[in-house]
C-alpha atoms as a PDB file:
ATOM      1  CA  UNK A   1     -64.687  56.177 -20.113  1.00  0.00           C
ATOM      2  CA  UNK A   2     -64.295  57.937 -23.507  1.00  0.00           C
ATOM      3  CA  UNK A   3     -65.405  56.288 -26.755  1.00  0.00           C
ATOM      4  CA  UNK A   4     -62.359  56.600 -27.787  1.00  0.00           C
ATOM      5  CA  UNK A   5     -60.509  54.783 -25.369  1.00  0.00           C
ATOM      6  CA  UNK A   6     -60.505  51.268 -27.179  1.00  0.00           C
ATOM      7  CA  UNK A   7     -59.038  53.111 -30.430  1.00  0.00           C
ATOM      8  CA  UNK A   8     -56.413  55.218 -28.202  1.00  0.00           C
ATOM      9  CA  UNK A   9     -55.665  51.996 -26.528  1.00  0.00           C
ATOM     10  CA  UNK A  10     -54.967  49.667 -29.813  1.00  0.00           C
ATOM     11  CA  UNK A  11     -52.788  52.818 -31.375  1.00  0.00           C
ATOM     12  CA  UNK A  12     -50.745  52.751 -28.259  1.00  0.00           C
ATOM     13  CA  UNK A  13     -50.305  49.209 -28.219  1.00  0.00           C
ATOM     14  CA  UNK A  14     -49.873  49.052 -32.006  1.00  0.00           C
ATOM     15  CA  UNK A  15     -46.930  51.692 -31.832  1.00  0.00           C
ATOM     16  CA  UNK A  16     -45.087  50.329 -28.720  1.00  0.00           C
ATOM     17  CA  UNK A  17     -45.582  47.419 -28.749  1.00  0.00           C
ATOM     18  CA  UNK A  18     -43.322  45.574 -31.455  1.00  0.00           C
ATOM     19  CA  UNK A  19     -44.733  41.749 -30.785  1.00  0.00           C
ATOM     20  CA  UNK A  20     -48.350  43.186 -31.702  1.00  0.00           C
ATOM     21  CA  UNK A  21     -47.441  44.753 -34.419  1.00  0.00           C
ATOM     22  CA  UNK A  22     -45.929  41.887 -36.090  1.00  0.00           C
ATOM     23  CA  UNK A  23     -48.695  39.440 -34.995  1.00  0.00           C
ATOM     24  CA  UNK A  24     -51.750  41.970 -36.787  1.00  0.00           C
ATOM     25  CA  UNK A  25     -49.282  41.583 -39.869  1.00  0.00           C
ATOM     26  CA  UNK A  26     -48.756  38.242 -39.778  1.00  0.00           C
ATOM     27  CA  UNK A  27     -52.411  37.826 -39.742  1.00  0.00           C
ATOM     28  CA  UNK A  28     -52.920  40.580 -42.311  1.00  0.00           C
ATOM     29  CA  UNK A  29     -54.564  42.949 -40.073  1.00  0.00           C
ATOM     30  CA  UNK A  30     -53.844  46.920 -40.005  1.00  0.00           C
ATOM     31  CA  UNK A  31     -54.696  48.852 -37.346  1.00  0.00           C
ATOM     32  CA  UNK A  32     -55.703  51.366 -39.372  1.00  0.00           C
ATOM     33  CA  UNK A  33     -58.923  49.355 -40.325  1.00  0.00           C
ATOM     34  CA  UNK A  34     -60.153  49.477 -36.668  1.00  0.00           C
ATOM     35  CA  UNK A  35     -62.246  52.318 -36.115  1.00  0.00           C
ATOM     36  CA  UNK A  36     -65.398  50.821 -35.172  1.00  0.00           C
ATOM     37  CA  UNK A  37     -66.363  48.102 -32.369  1.00  0.00           C
ATOM     38  CA  UNK A  38     -67.385  45.815 -34.878  1.00  0.00           C
ATOM     39  CA  UNK A  39     -63.997  45.976 -36.236  1.00  0.00           C
ATOM     40  CA  UNK A  40     -62.620  44.773 -32.773  1.00  0.00           C
ATOM     41  CA  UNK A  41     -64.230  41.705 -33.464  1.00  0.00           C
ATOM     42  CA  UNK A  42     -62.461  41.185 -36.480  1.00  0.00           C
ATOM     43  CA  UNK A  43     -59.056  40.874 -34.366  1.00  0.00           C
ATOM     44  CA  UNK A  44     -57.024  37.506 -34.128  1.00  0.00           C
ATOM     45  CA  UNK A  45     -57.131  35.616 -30.715  1.00  0.00           C
ATOM     46  CA  UNK A  46     -53.916  35.698 -29.522  1.00  0.00           C
ATOM     47  CA  UNK A  47     -52.489  32.424 -27.541  1.00  0.00           C
ATOM     48  CA  UNK A  48     -49.615  30.959 -26.215  1.00  0.00           C
ATOM     49  CA  UNK A  49     -48.674  29.400 -29.157  1.00  0.00           C
ATOM     50  CA  UNK A  50     -49.800  31.802 -31.660  1.00  0.00           C
ATOM     51  CA  UNK A  51     -48.222  35.010 -29.812  1.00  0.00           C
ATOM     52  CA  UNK A  52     -46.350  34.670 -26.488  1.00  0.00           C
ATOM     53  CA  UNK A  53     -44.231  31.816 -27.663  1.00  0.00           C
ATOM     54  CA  UNK A  54     -43.809  33.153 -30.929  1.00  0.00           C
ATOM     55  CA  UNK A  55     -42.189  36.486 -30.642  1.00  0.00           C
ATOM     56  CA  UNK A  56     -39.218  37.815 -28.746  1.00  0.00           C
ATOM     57  CA  UNK A  57     -39.842  38.108 -25.063  1.00  0.00           C
ATOM     58  CA  UNK A  58     -38.830  41.579 -24.611  1.00  0.00           C
ATOM     59  CA  UNK A  59     -40.894  42.238 -27.822  1.00  0.00           C
ATOM     60  CA  UNK A  60     -44.229  41.727 -25.742  1.00  0.00           C
ATOM     61  CA  UNK A  61     -43.631  45.005 -23.768  1.00  0.00           C
ATOM     62  CA  UNK A  62     -44.589  48.304 -24.487  1.00  0.00           C
ATOM     63  CA  UNK A  63     -40.889  49.982 -25.713  1.00  0.00           C
ATOM     64  CA  UNK A  64     -39.246  46.641 -25.104  1.00  0.00           C
ATOM     65  CA  UNK A  65     -39.053  48.272 -21.497  1.00  0.00           C
ATOM     66  CA  UNK A  66     -38.602  45.439 -18.896  1.00  0.00           C
ATOM     67  CA  UNK A  67     -37.708  47.434 -16.285  1.00  0.00           C
ATOM     68  CA  UNK A  68     -41.060  47.793 -14.780  1.00  0.00           C
ATOM     69  CA  UNK A  69     -41.690  44.034 -14.918  1.00  0.00           C
ATOM     70  CA  UNK A  70     -43.007  42.842 -11.652  1.00  0.00           C
ATOM     71  CA  UNK A  71     -44.757  39.877 -11.993  1.00  0.00           C
ATOM     72  CA  UNK A  72     -43.843  36.589 -13.516  1.00  0.00           C
ATOM     73  CA  UNK A  73     -47.384  34.215 -14.333  1.00  0.00           C
ATOM     74  CA  UNK A  74     -47.270  30.702 -15.059  1.00  0.00           C
ATOM     75  CA  UNK A  75     -50.091  28.471 -16.791  1.00  0.00           C
ATOM     76  CA  UNK A  76     -50.722  25.340 -15.003  1.00  0.00           C
ATOM     77  CA  UNK A  77     -50.239  23.503 -18.267  1.00  0.00           C
ATOM     78  CA  UNK A  78     -53.777  22.076 -18.887  1.00  0.00           C
ATOM     79  CA  UNK A  79     -53.229  21.919 -22.248  1.00  0.00           C
ATOM     80  CA  UNK A  80     -50.271  19.457 -21.486  1.00  0.00           C
ATOM     81  CA  UNK A  81     -47.155  22.033 -21.006  1.00  0.00           C
ATOM     82  CA  UNK A  82     -46.529  23.961 -18.626  1.00  0.00           C
ATOM     83  CA  UNK A  83     -45.567  28.013 -19.966  1.00  0.00           C
ATOM     84  CA  UNK A  84     -43.983  30.719 -18.164  1.00  0.00           C
ATOM     85  CA  UNK A  85     -43.765  34.664 -18.724  1.00  0.00           C
END
């Protein structure tokens, strides 16, 4: 795997996943500042509340493309509230 892979992946996600771009902006992070492995440690941790429930469902997908969605996931509700996506 290329050393550039994490950066290429991060750039792809930022460019194509509207919710993640907004998530980083909301947390004061610019992907342009992620240039080393140590910078990845500074990225905010996402959760059901801070990411999955906060943004529009379609915005969680690359290019808002839902045509390739083949799986529906669910949490067990260990925090007291099951969640489905």
